[in-house]
Amino acid sequence: SAETPPAFAKVQPPAENGGFPAVPRDEEPDCREFFP
């Protein structure tokens, strides 16, 4: 029943980020990050 968190946009990693996979900005956030 807790309030659902807002849909925060995830930041696009820069090309020189050491090879981390890019995440689309419009991806729906995983609520488990906010409600463990």
All heavy atoms as atom14 arrays in JSON, in Angstrom:
{
  "sequence": "SAETPPAFAKVQPPAENGGFPAVPRDEEPDCREFFP",
  "atom14_mask": [
    [1, 1, 1, 1, 1, 1, 0, 0, 0, 0, 0, 0, 0, 0],
    [1, 1, 1, 1, 1, 0, 0, 0, 0, 0, 0, 0, 0, 0],
    [1, 1, 1, 1, 1, 1, 1, 1, 1, 0, 0, 0, 0, 0],
    [1, 1, 1, 1, 1, 1, 1, 0, 0, 0, 0, 0, 0, 0],
    [1, 1, 1, 1, 1, 1, 1, 0, 0, 0, 0, 0, 0, 0],
    [1, 1, 1, 1, 1, 1, 1, 0, 0, 0, 0, 0, 0, 0],
    [1, 1, 1, 1, 1, 0, 0, 0, 0, 0, 0, 0, 0, 0],
    [1, 1, 1, 1, 1, 1, 1, 1, 1, 1, 1, 0, 0, 0],
    [1, 1, 1, 1, 1, 0, 0, 0, 0, 0, 0, 0, 0, 0],
    [1, 1, 1, 1, 1, 1, 1, 1, 1, 0, 0, 0, 0, 0],
    [1, 1, 1, 1, 1, 1, 1, 0, 0, 0, 0, 0, 0, 0],
    [1, 1, 1, 1, 1, 1, 1, 1, 1, 0, 0, 0, 0, 0],
    [1, 1, 1, 1, 1, 1, 1, 0, 0, 0, 0, 0, 0, 0],
    [1, 1, 1, 1, 1, 1, 1, 0, 0, 0, 0, 0, 0, 0],
    [1, 1, 1, 1, 1, 0, 0, 0, 0, 0, 0, 0, 0, 0],
    [1, 1, 1, 1, 1, 1, 1, 1, 1, 0, 0, 0, 0, 0],
    [1, 1, 1, 1, 1, 1, 1, 1, 0, 0, 0, 0, 0, 0],
    [1, 1, 1, 1, 0, 0, 0, 0, 0, 0, 0, 0, 0, 0],
    [1, 1, 1, 1, 0, 0, 0, 0, 0, 0, 0, 0, 0, 0],
    [1, 1, 1, 1, 1, 1, 1, 1, 1, 1, 1, 0, 0, 0],
    [1, 1, 1, 1, 1, 1, 1, 0, 0, 0, 0, 0, 0, 0],
    [1, 1, 1, 1, 1, 0, 0, 0, 0, 0, 0, 0, 0, 0],
    [1, 1, 1, 1, 1, 1, 1, 0, 0, 0, 0, 0, 0, 0],
    [1, 1, 1, 1, 1, 1, 1, 0, 0, 0, 0, 0, 0, 0],
    [1, 1, 1, 1, 1, 1, 1, 1, 1, 1, 1, 0, 0, 0],
    [1, 1, 1, 1, 1, 1, 1, 1, 0, 0, 0, 0, 0, 0],
    [1, 1, 1, 1, 1, 1, 1, 1, 1, 0, 0, 0, 0, 0],
    [1, 1, 1, 1, 1, 1, 1, 1, 1, 0, 0, 0, 0, 0],
    [1, 1, 1, 1, 1, 1, 1, 0, 0, 0, 0, 0, 0, 0],
    [1, 1, 1, 1, 1, 1, 1, 1, 0, 0, 0, 0, 0, 0],
    [1, 1, 1, 1, 1, 1, 0, 0, 0, 0, 0, 0, 0, 0],
    [1, 1, 1, 1, 1, 1, 1, 1, 1, 1, 1, 0, 0, 0],
    [1, 1, 1, 1, 1, 1, 1, 1, 1, 0, 0, 0, 0, 0],
    [1, 1, 1, 1, 1, 1, 1, 1, 1, 1, 1, 0, 0, 0],
    [1, 1, 1, 1, 1, 1, 1, 1, 1, 1, 1, 0, 0, 0],
    [1, 1, 1, 1, 1, 1, 1, 0, 0, 0, 0, 0, 0, 0]
  ],
  "atom14_positions": [
    [[0.81, -1.21, 0.0], [0.0, 0.0, 0.0], [0.85, 1.27, 0.0], [0.31, 2.37, -0.06], [-0.93, 0.01, 1.22], [-0.18, 0.06, 2.42], [0.0, 0.0, 0.0], [0.0, 0.0, 0.0], [0.0, 0.0, 0.0], [0.0, 0.0, 0.0], [0.0, 0.0, 0.0], [0.0, 0.0, 0.0], [0.0, 0.0, 0.0], [0.0, 0.0, 0.0]],
    [[2.16, 1.09, 0.09], [3.06, 2.25, 0.08], [2.98, 2.94, -1.28], [2.68, 2.33, -2.3], [4.5, 1.81, 0.37], [0.0, 0.0, 0.0], [0.0, 0.0, 0.0], [0.0, 0.0, 0.0], [0.0, 0.0, 0.0], [0.0, 0.0, 0.0], [0.0, 0.0, 0.0], [0.0, 0.0, 0.0], [0.0, 0.0, 0.0], [0.0, 0.0, 0.0]],
    [[3.24, 4.23, -1.27], [3.14, 5.01, -2.51], [4.17, 4.55, -3.52], [5.34, 4.34, -3.2], [3.36, 6.49, -2.2], [3.23, 7.38, -3.42], [3.44, 8.83, -3.06], [3.58, 9.12, -1.87], [3.46, 9.66, -3.99], [0.0, 0.0, 0.0], [0.0, 0.0, 0.0], [0.0, 0.0, 0.0], [0.0, 0.0, 0.0], [0.0, 0.0, 0.0]],
    [[3.76, 4.34, -4.75], [4.67, 3.94, -5.82], [5.61, 5.1, -6.13], [5.18, 6.24, -6.29], [3.89, 3.56, -7.08], [2.98, 2.51, -6.76], [4.85, 3.12, -8.19], [0.0, 0.0, 0.0], [0.0, 0.0, 0.0], [0.0, 0.0, 0.0], [0.0, 0.0, 0.0], [0.0, 0.0, 0.0], [0.0, 0.0, 0.0], [0.0, 0.0, 0.0]],
    [[6.91, 4.85, -6.24], [7.86, 5.93, -6.5], [7.7, 6.47, -7.91], [7.2, 5.8, -8.8], [9.22, 5.24, -6.33], [8.94, 3.81, -6.68], [7.55, 3.55, -6.15], [0.0, 0.0, 0.0], [0.0, 0.0, 0.0], [0.0, 0.0, 0.0], [0.0, 0.0, 0.0], [0.0, 0.0, 0.0], [0.0, 0.0, 0.0], [0.0, 0.0, 0.0]],
    [[8.1, 7.71, -8.15], [8.01, 8.28, -9.49], [8.94, 7.57, -10.45], [9.92, 6.95, -10.04], [8.45, 9.74, -9.28], [9.29, 9.7, -8.05], [8.68, 8.65, -7.17], [0.0, 0.0, 0.0], [0.0, 0.0, 0.0], [0.0, 0.0, 0.0], [0.0, 0.0, 0.0], [0.0, 0.0, 0.0], [0.0, 0.0, 0.0], [0.0, 0.0, 0.0]],
    [[8.62, 7.65, -11.74], [9.41, 6.97, -12.76], [10.63, 7.81, -13.1], [10.59, 8.66, -13.99], [8.55, 6.73, -14.01], [0.0, 0.0, 0.0], [0.0, 0.0, 0.0], [0.0, 0.0, 0.0], [0.0, 0.0, 0.0], [0.0, 0.0, 0.0], [0.0, 0.0, 0.0], [0.0, 0.0, 0.0], [0.0, 0.0, 0.0], [0.0, 0.0, 0.0]],
    [[11.69, 7.6, -12.34], [12.9, 8.36, -12.58], [13.6, 7.84, -13.84], [13.72, 6.64, -14.05], [13.86, 8.25, -11.39], [13.34, 8.86, -10.14], [12.94, 8.07, -9.08], [13.22, 10.25, -10.02], [12.47, 8.62, -7.92], [12.75, 10.81, -8.86], [12.35, 10.0, -7.8], [0.0, 0.0, 0.0], [0.0, 0.0, 0.0], [0.0, 0.0, 0.0]],
    [[14.05, 8.75, -14.71], [14.79, 8.35, -15.91], [16.2, 7.96, -15.51], [16.83, 8.62, -14.7], [14.82, 9.5, -16.9], [0.0, 0.0, 0.0], [0.0, 0.0, 0.0], [0.0, 0.0, 0.0], [0.0, 0.0, 0.0], [0.0, 0.0, 0.0], [0.0, 0.0, 0.0], [0.0, 0.0, 0.0], [0.0, 0.0, 0.0], [0.0, 0.0, 0.0]],
    [[16.67, 6.85, -16.06], [18.02, 6.41, -15.79], [18.98, 7.1, -16.76], [18.69, 7.29, -17.93], [18.13, 4.89, -15.91], [17.3, 4.16, -14.86], [17.58, 2.67, -14.86], [16.8, 1.99, -13.75], [17.06, 0.54, -13.7], [0.0, 0.0, 0.0], [0.0, 0.0, 0.0], [0.0, 0.0, 0.0], [0.0, 0.0, 0.0], [0.0, 0.0, 0.0]],
    [[20.12, 7.47, -16.26], [21.1, 8.22, -17.04], [21.78, 7.3, -18.03], [22.21, 6.21, -17.69], [22.14, 8.88, -16.12], [23.19, 9.61, -16.93], [21.45, 9.81, -15.14], [0.0, 0.0, 0.0], [0.0, 0.0, 0.0], [0.0, 0.0, 0.0], [0.0, 0.0, 0.0], [0.0, 0.0, 0.0], [0.0, 0.0, 0.0], [0.0, 0.0, 0.0]],
    [[21.89, 7.78, -19.3], [22.59, 7.02, -20.33], [24.09, 7.06, -20.04], [24.69, 8.14, -19.95], [22.32, 7.65, -21.7], [22.97, 6.88, -22.85], [22.2, 5.62, -23.17], [21.04, 5.54, -22.83], [22.86, 4.67, -23.82], [0.0, 0.0, 0.0], [0.0, 0.0, 0.0], [0.0, 0.0, 0.0], [0.0, 0.0, 0.0], [0.0, 0.0, 0.0]],
    [[24.72, 5.88, -19.85], [26.16, 5.89, -19.56], [26.94, 6.44, -20.75], [26.58, 6.2, -21.9], [26.48, 4.41, -19.34], [25.15, 3.75, -19.09], [24.16, 4.56, -19.87], [0.0, 0.0, 0.0], [0.0, 0.0, 0.0], [0.0, 0.0, 0.0], [0.0, 0.0, 0.0], [0.0, 0.0, 0.0], [0.0, 0.0, 0.0], [0.0, 0.0, 0.0]],
    [[27.99, 7.17, -20.5], [28.83, 7.68, -21.6], [29.57, 6.55, -22.28], [29.73, 5.47, -21.73], [29.79, 8.65, -20.89], [29.84, 8.15, -19.49], [28.47, 7.61, -19.18], [0.0, 0.0, 0.0], [0.0, 0.0, 0.0], [0.0, 0.0, 0.0], [0.0, 0.0, 0.0], [0.0, 0.0, 0.0], [0.0, 0.0, 0.0], [0.0, 0.0, 0.0]],
    [[30.04, 6.83, -23.5], [30.72, 5.8, -24.27], [32.0, 5.34, -23.59], [32.41, 4.19, -23.71], [31.02, 6.32, -25.68], [0.0, 0.0, 0.0], [0.0, 0.0, 0.0], [0.0, 0.0, 0.0], [0.0, 0.0, 0.0], [0.0, 0.0, 0.0], [0.0, 0.0, 0.0], [0.0, 0.0, 0.0], [0.0, 0.0, 0.0], [0.0, 0.0, 0.0]],
    [[32.62, 6.25, -22.85], [33.89, 5.9, -22.21], [33.68, 5.42, -20.77], [34.46, 5.69, -19.87], [34.82, 7.11, -22.21], [34.32, 8.33, -21.45], [33.38, 9.21, -22.26], [32.96, 8.77, -23.34], [33.08, 10.31, -21.8], [0.0, 0.0, 0.0], [0.0, 0.0, 0.0], [0.0, 0.0, 0.0], [0.0, 0.0, 0.0], [0.0, 0.0, 0.0]],
    [[32.65, 4.66, -20.58], [32.32, 4.21, -19.22], [32.93, 2.87, -18.87], [32.54, 2.26, -17.89], [30.8, 4.15, -19.03], [30.16, 3.09, -19.92], [30.82, 2.58, -20.83], [28.93, 2.77, -19.64], [0.0, 0.0, 0.0], [0.0, 0.0, 0.0], [0.0, 0.0, 0.0], [0.0, 0.0, 0.0], [0.0, 0.0, 0.0], [0.0, 0.0, 0.0]],
    [[33.82, 2.4, -19.7], [34.47, 1.14, -19.36], [33.69, -0.07, -19.81], [33.93, -1.18, -19.32], [0.0, 0.0, 0.0], [0.0, 0.0, 0.0], [0.0, 0.0, 0.0], [0.0, 0.0, 0.0], [0.0, 0.0, 0.0], [0.0, 0.0, 0.0], [0.0, 0.0, 0.0], [0.0, 0.0, 0.0], [0.0, 0.0, 0.0], [0.0, 0.0, 0.0]],
    [[32.71, 0.1, -20.71], [32.01, -1.05, -21.25], [30.73, -1.42, -20.53], [30.17, -2.49, -20.78], [0.0, 0.0, 0.0], [0.0, 0.0, 0.0], [0.0, 0.0, 0.0], [0.0, 0.0, 0.0], [0.0, 0.0, 0.0], [0.0, 0.0, 0.0], [0.0, 0.0, 0.0], [0.0, 0.0, 0.0], [0.0, 0.0, 0.0], [0.0, 0.0, 0.0]],
    [[30.23, -0.57, -19.62], [28.97, -0.88, -18.95], [27.83, -0.83, -19.96], [27.8, 0.05, -20.83], [28.69, 0.09, -17.8], [29.63, -0.08, -16.64], [30.64, 0.85, -16.42], [29.52, -1.16, -15.8], [31.52, 0.68, -15.38], [30.38, -1.32, -14.74], [31.38, -0.41, -14.53], [0.0, 0.0, 0.0], [0.0, 0.0, 0.0], [0.0, 0.0, 0.0]],
    [[26.86, -1.74, -19.89], [25.75, -1.74, -20.85], [24.9, -0.49, -20.72], [24.67, 0.01, -19.63], [24.95, -3.0, -20.48], [25.29, -3.25, -19.05], [26.72, -2.81, -18.88], [0.0, 0.0, 0.0], [0.0, 0.0, 0.0], [0.0, 0.0, 0.0], [0.0, 0.0, 0.0], [0.0, 0.0, 0.0], [0.0, 0.0, 0.0], [0.0, 0.0, 0.0]],
    [[24.45, 0.02, -21.87], [23.6, 1.2, -21.87], [22.19, 0.82, -21.47], [21.71, -0.27, -21.74], [23.59, 1.81, -23.27], [0.0, 0.0, 0.0], [0.0, 0.0, 0.0], [0.0, 0.0, 0.0], [0.0, 0.0, 0.0], [0.0, 0.0, 0.0], [0.0, 0.0, 0.0], [0.0, 0.0, 0.0], [0.0, 0.0, 0.0], [0.0, 0.0, 0.0]],
    [[21.51, 1.73, -20.77], [20.13, 1.52, -20.31], [19.24, 2.58, -20.93], [19.52, 3.78, -20.8], [20.04, 1.61, -18.77], [18.6, 1.37, -18.31], [20.98, 0.61, -18.13], [0.0, 0.0, 0.0], [0.0, 0.0, 0.0], [0.0, 0.0, 0.0], [0.0, 0.0, 0.0], [0.0, 0.0, 0.0], [0.0, 0.0, 0.0], [0.0, 0.0, 0.0]],
    [[18.17, 2.21, -21.63], [17.29, 3.21, -22.25], [16.72, 4.15, -21.2], [16.38, 3.75, -20.1], [16.19, 2.35, -22.89], [16.81, 1.0, -23.05], [17.76, 0.83, -21.92], [0.0, 0.0, 0.0], [0.0, 0.0, 0.0], [0.0, 0.0, 0.0], [0.0, 0.0, 0.0], [0.0, 0.0, 0.0], [0.0, 0.0, 0.0], [0.0, 0.0, 0.0]],
    [[16.63, 5.42, -21.57], [16.12, 6.42, -20.64], [14.67, 6.18, -20.28], [14.24, 6.54, -19.19], [16.28, 7.82, -21.24], [17.72, 8.28, -21.39], [17.78, 9.65, -22.01], [19.14, 10.14, -22.12], [19.79, 10.79, -21.17], [19.19, 11.02, -20.03], [21.03, 11.2, -21.36], [0.0, 0.0, 0.0], [0.0, 0.0, 0.0], [0.0, 0.0, 0.0]],
    [[13.89, 5.6, -21.2], [12.47, 5.43, -20.93], [12.15, 4.08, -20.31], [11.0, 3.69, -20.24], [11.67, 5.61, -22.24], [12.08, 4.59, -23.3], [13.11, 3.89, -23.09], [11.38, 4.5, -24.33], [0.0, 0.0, 0.0], [0.0, 0.0, 0.0], [0.0, 0.0, 0.0], [0.0, 0.0, 0.0], [0.0, 0.0, 0.0], [0.0, 0.0, 0.0]],
    [[13.18, 3.37, -19.86], [12.92, 2.07, -19.24], [12.17, 2.25, -17.92], [12.48, 3.14, -17.13], [14.24, 1.33, -18.98], [14.05, -0.04, -18.33], [15.38, -0.68, -17.98], [16.42, -0.1, -18.35], [15.37, -1.74, -17.35], [0.0, 0.0, 0.0], [0.0, 0.0, 0.0], [0.0, 0.0, 0.0], [0.0, 0.0, 0.0], [0.0, 0.0, 0.0]],
    [[11.21, 1.41, -17.68], [10.44, 1.49, -16.44], [11.35, 1.11, -15.28], [12.02, 0.09, -15.31], [9.26, 0.52, -16.49], [8.31, 0.62, -15.3], [7.53, 1.92, -15.27], [7.39, 2.55, -16.35], [7.04, 2.29, -14.2], [0.0, 0.0, 0.0], [0.0, 0.0, 0.0], [0.0, 0.0, 0.0], [0.0, 0.0, 0.0], [0.0, 0.0, 0.0]],
    [[11.4, 1.92, -14.23], [12.3, 1.6, -13.11], [11.83, 0.36, -12.37], [10.64, 0.09, -12.28], [12.21, 2.84, -12.22], [10.89, 3.44, -12.53], [10.67, 3.18, -14.01], [0.0, 0.0, 0.0], [0.0, 0.0, 0.0], [0.0, 0.0, 0.0], [0.0, 0.0, 0.0], [0.0, 0.0, 0.0], [0.0, 0.0, 0.0], [0.0, 0.0, 0.0]],
    [[12.8, -0.4, -11.85], [12.5, -1.59, -11.07], [12.15, -1.16, -9.65], [13.0, -0.64, -8.93], [13.71, -2.52, -11.06], [13.41, -3.85, -10.4], [12.33, -3.99, -9.78], [14.26, -4.75, -10.51], [0.0, 0.0, 0.0], [0.0, 0.0, 0.0], [0.0, 0.0, 0.0], [0.0, 0.0, 0.0], [0.0, 0.0, 0.0], [0.0, 0.0, 0.0]],
    [[10.91, -1.38, -9.25], [10.47, -0.92, -7.93], [11.21, -1.6, -6.79], [11.19, -1.12, -5.67], [8.96, -1.14, -7.78], [7.97, -0.08, -8.85], [0.0, 0.0, 0.0], [0.0, 0.0, 0.0], [0.0, 0.0, 0.0], [0.0, 0.0, 0.0], [0.0, 0.0, 0.0], [0.0, 0.0, 0.0], [0.0, 0.0, 0.0], [0.0, 0.0, 0.0]],
    [[11.84, -2.74, -7.08], [12.57, -3.41, -6.0], [13.74, -2.55, -5.52], [14.19, -2.71, -4.38], [13.09, -4.76, -6.49], [11.97, -5.79, -6.69], [12.51, -7.06, -7.31], [13.07, -6.8, -8.64], [13.61, -7.75, -9.39], [13.69, -8.99, -8.95], [14.08, -7.45, -10.6], [0.0, 0.0, 0.0], [0.0, 0.0, 0.0], [0.0, 0.0, 0.0]],
    [[14.2, -1.63, -6.38], [15.26, -0.74, -5.94], [14.76, 0.23, -4.87], [15.52, 0.71, -4.06], [15.8, 0.05, -7.13], [16.46, -0.81, -8.22], [16.94, 0.02, -9.38], [16.85, 1.25, -9.28], [17.4, -0.56, -10.37], [0.0, 0.0, 0.0], [0.0, 0.0, 0.0], [0.0, 0.0, 0.0], [0.0, 0.0, 0.0], [0.0, 0.0, 0.0]],
    [[13.47, 0.53, -4.91], [12.91, 1.5, -3.97], [12.23, 0.81, -2.79], [12.12, 1.38, -1.72], [11.89, 2.39, -4.7], [12.48, 3.07, -5.91], [12.33, 2.52, -7.17], [13.2, 4.24, -5.77], [12.89, 3.14, -8.28], [13.75, 4.87, -6.88], [13.6, 4.32, -8.13], [0.0, 0.0, 0.0], [0.0, 0.0, 0.0], [0.0, 0.0, 0.0]],
    [[11.72, -0.43, -3.01], [11.03, -1.15, -1.94], [11.67, -2.52, -1.76], [11.16, -3.53, -2.21], [9.54, -1.33, -2.27], [8.77, -0.05, -2.25], [8.17, 0.44, -3.39], [8.65, 0.68, -1.08], [7.46, 1.62, -3.38], [7.94, 1.86, -1.05], [7.34, 2.35, -2.2], [0.0, 0.0, 0.0], [0.0, 0.0, 0.0], [0.0, 0.0, 0.0]],
    [[12.83, -2.58, -1.1], [13.46, -3.89, -0.89], [12.59, -4.82, -0.06], [12.77, -6.02, -0.08], [14.77, -3.52, -0.17], [14.51, -2.17, 0.44], [13.59, -1.47, -0.53], [0.0, 0.0, 0.0], [0.0, 0.0, 0.0], [0.0, 0.0, 0.0], [0.0, 0.0, 0.0], [0.0, 0.0, 0.0], [0.0, 0.0, 0.0], [0.0, 0.0, 0.0]]
  ]
}
